[in-house]
Amino acid sequence: MTNRQATRRPPIHMLENEAEQLSNLALSIEDTLPQVSELLLEEIGRARLHPAGRIGARVVTMNATVEFVDEASGAVRSVQLVLPRAADIAAGRISILTPVGAGLIGLAEGQSIDWPDRDGNTRRLTIVKVTPPPG
């Protein structure tokens, strides 16, 4: 990823405890999923961090449900962003360790990001609605 591409990305926000947990998770997959590891670490590194309970309700955090548009296809999807062990695509739960999951974390309603998919193509994802995690 070039610096020019990174500077075009929208500002993102993360919870401090999630950033630490996700950094450890990204480092643990560095050898098996290097692209996702690198993308996730880049996003964590540029995020503005917030203490627990001090982040906007319209920001994508772990376990939040996010409705987004894949601008390339026009498809609207609604997914819950979860840790790998809770992922179940049939139930609408996607892992943070997927390219889409790593791209959604920290974005807010109305923001768009140009993001690589599994095949290396760049897709524009636009956040339509964020529902905070239950509880």
N, C-alpha and C. Protein backbone atom coordinates (compact mmCIF):
# COMPACT_ATOMS: atom_id res chain seq x y z
N MET A 1 0.85 -1.16 0.00
CA MET A 1 0.00 0.00 0.00
C MET A 1 0.90 1.23 0.00
N THR A 2 0.66 2.14 -0.91
CA THR A 2 1.49 3.34 -0.96
C THR A 2 0.93 4.37 0.01
N ASN A 3 1.77 5.31 0.39
CA ASN A 3 1.32 6.37 1.29
C ASN A 3 0.20 7.18 0.68
N ARG A 4 0.27 7.38 -0.65
CA ARG A 4 -0.76 8.15 -1.32
C ARG A 4 -2.12 7.47 -1.18
N GLN A 5 -2.16 6.15 -1.33
CA GLN A 5 -3.42 5.43 -1.17
C GLN A 5 -3.92 5.54 0.27
N ALA A 6 -3.02 5.41 1.22
CA ALA A 6 -3.43 5.46 2.62
C ALA A 6 -3.97 6.84 2.99
N THR A 7 -3.42 7.91 2.42
CA THR A 7 -3.88 9.24 2.78
C THR A 7 -5.26 9.53 2.23
N ARG A 8 -5.71 8.81 1.23
CA ARG A 8 -7.05 9.01 0.68
C ARG A 8 -8.11 8.29 1.50
N ARG A 9 -7.71 7.47 2.42
CA ARG A 9 -8.69 6.75 3.24
C ARG A 9 -9.32 7.70 4.25
N PRO A 10 -10.59 7.48 4.54
CA PRO A 10 -11.27 8.36 5.50
C PRO A 10 -10.75 8.14 6.92
N PRO A 11 -10.90 9.15 7.78
CA PRO A 11 -10.49 8.96 9.17
C PRO A 11 -11.34 7.88 9.83
N ILE A 12 -10.72 7.11 10.72
CA ILE A 12 -11.47 6.06 11.42
C ILE A 12 -11.25 6.16 12.92
N HIS A 13 -12.13 5.52 13.66
CA HIS A 13 -12.11 5.55 15.12
C HIS A 13 -12.23 4.12 15.63
N MET A 14 -11.49 3.83 16.71
CA MET A 14 -11.54 2.49 17.31
C MET A 14 -11.51 2.60 18.82
N LEU A 15 -12.04 1.58 19.46
CA LEU A 15 -11.92 1.47 20.91
C LEU A 15 -10.52 0.98 21.25
N GLU A 16 -9.92 1.55 22.28
CA GLU A 16 -8.55 1.17 22.67
C GLU A 16 -8.42 -0.33 22.93
N ASN A 17 -9.37 -0.90 23.67
CA ASN A 17 -9.28 -2.33 23.99
C ASN A 17 -9.43 -3.19 22.75
N GLU A 18 -10.26 -2.77 21.79
CA GLU A 18 -10.41 -3.53 20.55
C GLU A 18 -9.15 -3.41 19.69
N ALA A 19 -8.56 -2.23 19.66
CA ALA A 19 -7.34 -2.03 18.85
C ALA A 19 -6.23 -2.96 19.33
N GLU A 20 -6.08 -3.09 20.64
CA GLU A 20 -5.05 -3.98 21.18
C GLU A 20 -5.36 -5.44 20.84
N GLN A 21 -6.60 -5.85 21.03
CA GLN A 21 -7.01 -7.23 20.74
C GLN A 21 -6.83 -7.53 19.25
N LEU A 22 -7.22 -6.59 18.39
CA LEU A 22 -7.12 -6.81 16.95
C LEU A 22 -5.67 -6.78 16.46
N SER A 23 -4.83 -5.97 17.10
CA SER A 23 -3.40 -5.97 16.75
C SER A 23 -2.79 -7.34 17.02
N ASN A 24 -3.10 -7.89 18.19
CA ASN A 24 -2.60 -9.23 18.53
C ASN A 24 -3.12 -10.28 17.55
N LEU A 25 -4.37 -10.16 17.19
CA LEU A 25 -4.98 -11.10 16.24
C LEU A 25 -4.30 -10.97 14.87
N ALA A 26 -4.09 -9.75 14.41
CA ALA A 26 -3.44 -9.53 13.11
C ALA A 26 -2.02 -10.08 13.10
N LEU A 27 -1.29 -9.87 14.18
CA LEU A 27 0.07 -10.39 14.26
C LEU A 27 0.08 -11.92 14.25
N SER A 28 -0.94 -12.54 14.82
CA SER A 28 -1.00 -14.00 14.89
C SER A 28 -1.25 -14.65 13.53
N ILE A 29 -1.75 -13.88 12.56
CA ILE A 29 -2.04 -14.44 11.23
C ILE A 29 -1.06 -13.94 10.17
N GLU A 30 -0.02 -13.26 10.61
CA GLU A 30 0.93 -12.66 9.68
C GLU A 30 1.49 -13.66 8.67
N ASP A 31 1.75 -14.89 9.10
CA ASP A 31 2.32 -15.89 8.20
C ASP A 31 1.27 -16.56 7.31
N THR A 32 0.04 -16.70 7.82
CA THR A 32 -0.99 -17.43 7.06
C THR A 32 -1.84 -16.51 6.17
N LEU A 33 -2.11 -15.30 6.63
CA LEU A 33 -2.91 -14.34 5.86
C LEU A 33 -2.20 -12.98 5.85
N PRO A 34 -1.05 -12.89 5.18
CA PRO A 34 -0.25 -11.67 5.27
C PRO A 34 -0.97 -10.41 4.77
N GLN A 35 -1.78 -10.52 3.71
CA GLN A 35 -2.46 -9.32 3.19
C GLN A 35 -3.45 -8.78 4.22
N VAL A 36 -4.27 -9.65 4.79
CA VAL A 36 -5.26 -9.21 5.76
C VAL A 36 -4.57 -8.68 7.01
N SER A 37 -3.52 -9.34 7.45
CA SER A 37 -2.76 -8.89 8.61
C SER A 37 -2.23 -7.47 8.39
N GLU A 38 -1.62 -7.25 7.23
CA GLU A 38 -1.05 -5.93 6.93
C GLU A 38 -2.14 -4.86 6.85
N LEU A 39 -3.24 -5.17 6.17
CA LEU A 39 -4.33 -4.20 6.04
C LEU A 39 -4.91 -3.83 7.41
N LEU A 40 -5.13 -4.83 8.24
CA LEU A 40 -5.72 -4.58 9.56
C LEU A 40 -4.76 -3.77 10.42
N LEU A 41 -3.48 -4.12 10.41
CA LEU A 41 -2.49 -3.36 11.19
C LEU A 41 -2.40 -1.91 10.71
N GLU A 42 -2.48 -1.69 9.40
CA GLU A 42 -2.47 -0.32 8.87
C GLU A 42 -3.66 0.47 9.39
N GLU A 43 -4.83 -0.15 9.38
CA GLU A 43 -6.04 0.54 9.85
C GLU A 43 -5.94 0.86 11.34
N ILE A 44 -5.46 -0.08 12.12
CA ILE A 44 -5.31 0.16 13.56
C ILE A 44 -4.31 1.29 13.79
N GLY A 45 -3.23 1.28 13.02
CA GLY A 45 -2.19 2.30 13.19
C GLY A 45 -2.64 3.71 12.88
N ARG A 46 -3.62 3.87 12.01
CA ARG A 46 -4.06 5.21 11.65
C ARG A 46 -5.34 5.64 12.38
N ALA A 47 -5.90 4.74 13.16
CA ALA A 47 -7.16 5.03 13.86
C ALA A 47 -6.96 5.98 15.03
N ARG A 48 -7.97 6.79 15.27
CA ARG A 48 -8.02 7.58 16.50
C ARG A 48 -8.65 6.67 17.56
N LEU A 49 -7.94 6.49 18.67
CA LEU A 49 -8.39 5.55 19.70
C LEU A 49 -9.22 6.24 20.77
N HIS A 50 -10.22 5.49 21.27
CA HIS A 50 -11.14 6.01 22.28
C HIS A 50 -11.28 5.00 23.42
N PRO A 51 -11.47 5.49 24.66
CA PRO A 51 -11.74 4.56 25.76
C PRO A 51 -13.11 3.90 25.58
N ALA A 52 -13.29 2.76 26.23
CA ALA A 52 -14.56 2.03 26.16
C ALA A 52 -15.72 2.96 26.51
N GLY A 53 -16.79 2.86 25.73
CA GLY A 53 -17.99 3.66 25.99
C GLY A 53 -17.89 5.09 25.49
N ARG A 54 -16.78 5.47 24.86
CA ARG A 54 -16.59 6.85 24.43
C ARG A 54 -16.41 6.96 22.92
N ILE A 55 -17.15 6.17 22.19
CA ILE A 55 -17.08 6.21 20.73
C ILE A 55 -18.50 6.36 20.21
N GLY A 56 -18.66 7.04 19.10
CA GLY A 56 -19.98 7.29 18.54
C GLY A 56 -20.72 6.01 18.20
N ALA A 57 -22.03 6.04 18.36
CA ALA A 57 -22.88 4.87 18.07
C ALA A 57 -22.92 4.56 16.58
N ARG A 58 -22.52 5.49 15.75
CA ARG A 58 -22.58 5.28 14.30
C ARG A 58 -21.24 4.85 13.72
N VAL A 59 -20.34 4.39 14.60
CA VAL A 59 -19.01 3.91 14.18
C VAL A 59 -19.00 2.39 14.25
N VAL A 60 -18.41 1.75 13.23
CA VAL A 60 -18.33 0.30 13.19
C VAL A 60 -17.29 -0.19 14.20
N THR A 61 -17.76 -0.94 15.19
CA THR A 61 -16.89 -1.57 16.18
C THR A 61 -17.13 -3.08 16.09
N MET A 62 -16.36 -3.83 16.83
CA MET A 62 -16.57 -5.27 16.85
C MET A 62 -17.98 -5.56 17.38
N ASN A 63 -18.62 -6.55 16.77
CA ASN A 63 -19.96 -7.01 17.10
C ASN A 63 -21.08 -6.06 16.69
N ALA A 64 -20.73 -4.93 16.07
CA ALA A 64 -21.75 -4.04 15.53
C ALA A 64 -22.30 -4.67 14.25
N THR A 65 -23.51 -4.29 13.91
CA THR A 65 -24.10 -4.69 12.64
C THR A 65 -23.99 -3.50 11.70
N VAL A 66 -23.49 -3.75 10.51
CA VAL A 66 -23.26 -2.67 9.56
C VAL A 66 -23.92 -3.00 8.22
N GLU A 67 -24.64 -2.02 7.73
CA GLU A 67 -25.22 -2.12 6.39
C GLU A 67 -24.34 -1.28 5.48
N PHE A 68 -23.88 -1.89 4.38
CA PHE A 68 -23.01 -1.16 3.47
C PHE A 68 -23.33 -1.51 2.03
N VAL A 69 -22.89 -0.63 1.13
CA VAL A 69 -23.08 -0.83 -0.30
C VAL A 69 -21.72 -1.10 -0.92
N ASP A 70 -21.65 -2.15 -1.72
CA ASP A 70 -20.48 -2.41 -2.56
C ASP A 70 -20.77 -1.63 -3.84
N GLU A 71 -20.10 -0.48 -4.00
CA GLU A 71 -20.41 0.42 -5.11
C GLU A 71 -20.17 -0.21 -6.47
N ALA A 72 -19.26 -1.18 -6.58
CA ALA A 72 -18.97 -1.82 -7.86
C ALA A 72 -20.17 -2.61 -8.37
N SER A 73 -20.84 -3.32 -7.46
CA SER A 73 -21.97 -4.16 -7.87
C SER A 73 -23.32 -3.54 -7.52
N GLY A 74 -23.32 -2.55 -6.63
CA GLY A 74 -24.57 -1.97 -6.16
C GLY A 74 -25.23 -2.81 -5.08
N ALA A 75 -24.59 -3.92 -4.71
CA ALA A 75 -25.17 -4.82 -3.71
C ALA A 75 -25.13 -4.17 -2.32
N VAL A 76 -26.25 -4.28 -1.62
CA VAL A 76 -26.34 -3.81 -0.24
C VAL A 76 -26.27 -5.03 0.66
N ARG A 77 -25.37 -4.99 1.62
CA ARG A 77 -25.23 -6.12 2.55
C ARG A 77 -25.36 -5.62 3.98
N SER A 78 -25.84 -6.47 4.83
CA SER A 78 -25.90 -6.18 6.25
C SER A 78 -25.21 -7.34 6.96
N VAL A 79 -24.16 -7.02 7.72
CA VAL A 79 -23.37 -8.05 8.39
C VAL A 79 -23.02 -7.60 9.80
N GLN A 80 -22.76 -8.59 10.64
CA GLN A 80 -22.23 -8.30 11.97
C GLN A 80 -20.74 -8.61 11.91
N LEU A 81 -19.91 -7.70 12.41
CA LEU A 81 -18.46 -7.86 12.39
C LEU A 81 -18.02 -8.57 13.67
N VAL A 82 -17.42 -9.76 13.52
CA VAL A 82 -17.11 -10.60 14.68
C VAL A 82 -15.68 -11.15 14.61
N LEU A 83 -15.26 -11.74 15.71
CA LEU A 83 -13.99 -12.45 15.75
C LEU A 83 -14.13 -13.74 14.93
N PRO A 84 -13.02 -14.30 14.46
CA PRO A 84 -13.09 -15.47 13.58
C PRO A 84 -13.91 -16.63 14.13
N ARG A 85 -13.81 -16.91 15.40
CA ARG A 85 -14.51 -18.08 15.96
C ARG A 85 -16.03 -17.93 15.92
N ALA A 86 -16.54 -16.70 15.80
CA ALA A 86 -17.99 -16.46 15.76
C ALA A 86 -18.50 -16.25 14.34
N ALA A 87 -17.61 -16.27 13.36
CA ALA A 87 -18.01 -16.00 11.98
C ALA A 87 -18.91 -17.11 11.44
N ASP A 88 -19.94 -16.70 10.73
CA ASP A 88 -20.88 -17.62 10.09
C ASP A 88 -21.56 -16.82 8.98
N ILE A 89 -21.04 -16.93 7.77
CA ILE A 89 -21.53 -16.12 6.67
C ILE A 89 -23.02 -16.34 6.43
N ALA A 90 -23.50 -17.56 6.62
CA ALA A 90 -24.93 -17.86 6.42
C ALA A 90 -25.79 -17.10 7.42
N ALA A 91 -25.24 -16.81 8.60
CA ALA A 91 -25.97 -16.08 9.64
C ALA A 91 -25.67 -14.58 9.58
N GLY A 92 -24.88 -14.16 8.57
CA GLY A 92 -24.58 -12.74 8.42
C GLY A 92 -23.48 -12.23 9.33
N ARG A 93 -22.64 -13.13 9.85
CA ARG A 93 -21.54 -12.71 10.73
C ARG A 93 -20.23 -12.92 9.98
N ILE A 94 -19.50 -11.80 9.72
CA ILE A 94 -18.23 -11.92 9.00
C ILE A 94 -17.06 -11.62 9.94
N SER A 95 -15.99 -12.31 9.68
CA SER A 95 -14.79 -12.17 10.50
C SER A 95 -14.06 -10.87 10.21
N ILE A 96 -13.50 -10.30 11.25
CA ILE A 96 -12.61 -9.15 11.11
C ILE A 96 -11.39 -9.53 10.27
N LEU A 97 -11.09 -10.83 10.18
CA LEU A 97 -9.92 -11.30 9.43
C LEU A 97 -10.25 -11.63 7.97
N THR A 98 -11.25 -10.93 7.42
CA THR A 98 -11.51 -10.97 5.98
C THR A 98 -11.17 -9.58 5.45
N PRO A 99 -10.86 -9.46 4.17
CA PRO A 99 -10.59 -8.12 3.65
C PRO A 99 -11.74 -7.14 3.91
N VAL A 100 -12.98 -7.56 3.70
CA VAL A 100 -14.11 -6.66 3.94
C VAL A 100 -14.20 -6.30 5.42
N GLY A 101 -14.07 -7.28 6.29
CA GLY A 101 -14.13 -7.01 7.73
C GLY A 101 -13.08 -6.01 8.17
N ALA A 102 -11.85 -6.18 7.70
CA ALA A 102 -10.77 -5.26 8.06
C ALA A 102 -11.03 -3.87 7.50
N GLY A 103 -11.73 -3.78 6.38
CA GLY A 103 -12.02 -2.48 5.78
C GLY A 103 -13.15 -1.74 6.46
N LEU A 104 -14.08 -2.46 7.07
CA LEU A 104 -15.24 -1.82 7.69
C LEU A 104 -14.95 -1.26 9.08
N ILE A 105 -14.04 -1.87 9.82
CA ILE A 105 -13.80 -1.47 11.21
C ILE A 105 -13.41 0.01 11.29
N GLY A 106 -14.06 0.72 12.18
CA GLY A 106 -13.71 2.12 12.43
C GLY A 106 -14.38 3.15 11.56
N LEU A 107 -15.06 2.71 10.49
CA LEU A 107 -15.77 3.66 9.63
C LEU A 107 -17.08 4.08 10.29
N ALA A 108 -17.59 5.23 9.88
CA ALA A 108 -18.86 5.73 10.39
C ALA A 108 -19.88 5.81 9.26
N GLU A 109 -21.14 5.91 9.63
CA GLU A 109 -22.21 6.05 8.65
C GLU A 109 -21.87 7.18 7.68
N GLY A 110 -22.08 6.91 6.39
CA GLY A 110 -21.84 7.91 5.36
C GLY A 110 -20.43 7.88 4.77
N GLN A 111 -19.50 7.22 5.43
CA GLN A 111 -18.14 7.16 4.92
C GLN A 111 -17.99 6.06 3.87
N SER A 112 -17.04 6.27 2.96
CA SER A 112 -16.69 5.28 1.94
C SER A 112 -15.20 5.02 2.02
N ILE A 113 -14.81 3.81 1.61
CA ILE A 113 -13.40 3.46 1.56
C ILE A 113 -13.15 2.62 0.32
N ASP A 114 -12.03 2.91 -0.35
CA ASP A 114 -11.59 2.07 -1.47
C ASP A 114 -10.73 0.98 -0.86
N TRP A 115 -11.10 -0.27 -1.10
CA TRP A 115 -10.52 -1.38 -0.35
C TRP A 115 -10.30 -2.58 -1.24
N PRO A 116 -9.17 -3.28 -1.07
CA PRO A 116 -8.93 -4.47 -1.90
C PRO A 116 -9.78 -5.66 -1.44
N ASP A 117 -10.25 -6.44 -2.42
CA ASP A 117 -10.95 -7.67 -2.07
C ASP A 117 -9.96 -8.84 -2.11
N ARG A 118 -10.46 -10.05 -1.93
CA ARG A 118 -9.60 -11.24 -1.90
C ARG A 118 -8.82 -11.44 -3.21
N ASP A 119 -9.37 -10.93 -4.31
CA ASP A 119 -8.73 -11.11 -5.61
C ASP A 119 -7.78 -9.96 -5.97
N GLY A 120 -7.65 -8.98 -5.06
CA GLY A 120 -6.76 -7.85 -5.31
C GLY A 120 -7.41 -6.71 -6.07
N ASN A 121 -8.70 -6.82 -6.38
CA ASN A 121 -9.41 -5.72 -7.03
C ASN A 121 -9.83 -4.70 -5.98
N THR A 122 -9.83 -3.43 -6.35
CA THR A 122 -10.25 -2.39 -5.41
C THR A 122 -11.75 -2.19 -5.54
N ARG A 123 -12.42 -2.18 -4.38
CA ARG A 123 -13.85 -1.97 -4.33
C ARG A 123 -14.14 -0.80 -3.40
N ARG A 124 -15.15 -0.05 -3.72
CA ARG A 124 -15.57 1.05 -2.84
C ARG A 124 -16.73 0.55 -1.99
N LEU A 125 -16.53 0.62 -0.67
CA LEU A 125 -17.55 0.22 0.29
C LEU A 125 -18.07 1.50 0.95
N THR A 126 -19.38 1.66 1.01
CA THR A 126 -19.99 2.84 1.63
C THR A 126 -20.90 2.39 2.76
N ILE A 127 -20.68 2.97 3.94
CA ILE A 127 -21.46 2.62 5.12
C ILE A 127 -22.80 3.33 5.07
N VAL A 128 -23.88 2.55 5.15
CA VAL A 128 -25.23 3.10 5.13
C VAL A 128 -25.75 3.27 6.56
N LYS A 129 -25.59 2.22 7.38
CA LYS A 129 -26.15 2.26 8.74
C LYS A 129 -25.31 1.38 9.65
N VAL A 130 -25.12 1.84 10.89
CA VAL A 130 -24.42 1.06 11.91
C VAL A 130 -25.35 0.87 13.10
N THR A 131 -25.50 -0.36 13.52
CA THR A 131 -26.26 -0.67 14.74
C THR A 131 -25.25 -1.15 15.77
N PRO A 132 -25.10 -0.43 16.89
CA PRO A 132 -24.11 -0.83 17.89
C PRO A 132 -24.36 -2.24 18.39
N PRO A 133 -23.30 -2.88 18.93
CA PRO A 133 -23.46 -4.23 19.45
C PRO A 133 -24.47 -4.27 20.59
N PRO A 134 -25.16 -5.39 20.74
CA PRO A 134 -26.11 -5.51 21.85
C PRO A 134 -25.37 -5.45 23.20
N GLY A 135 -26.06 -4.88 24.17
CA GLY A 135 -25.50 -4.84 25.52
C GLY A 135 -24.51 -3.83 25.64
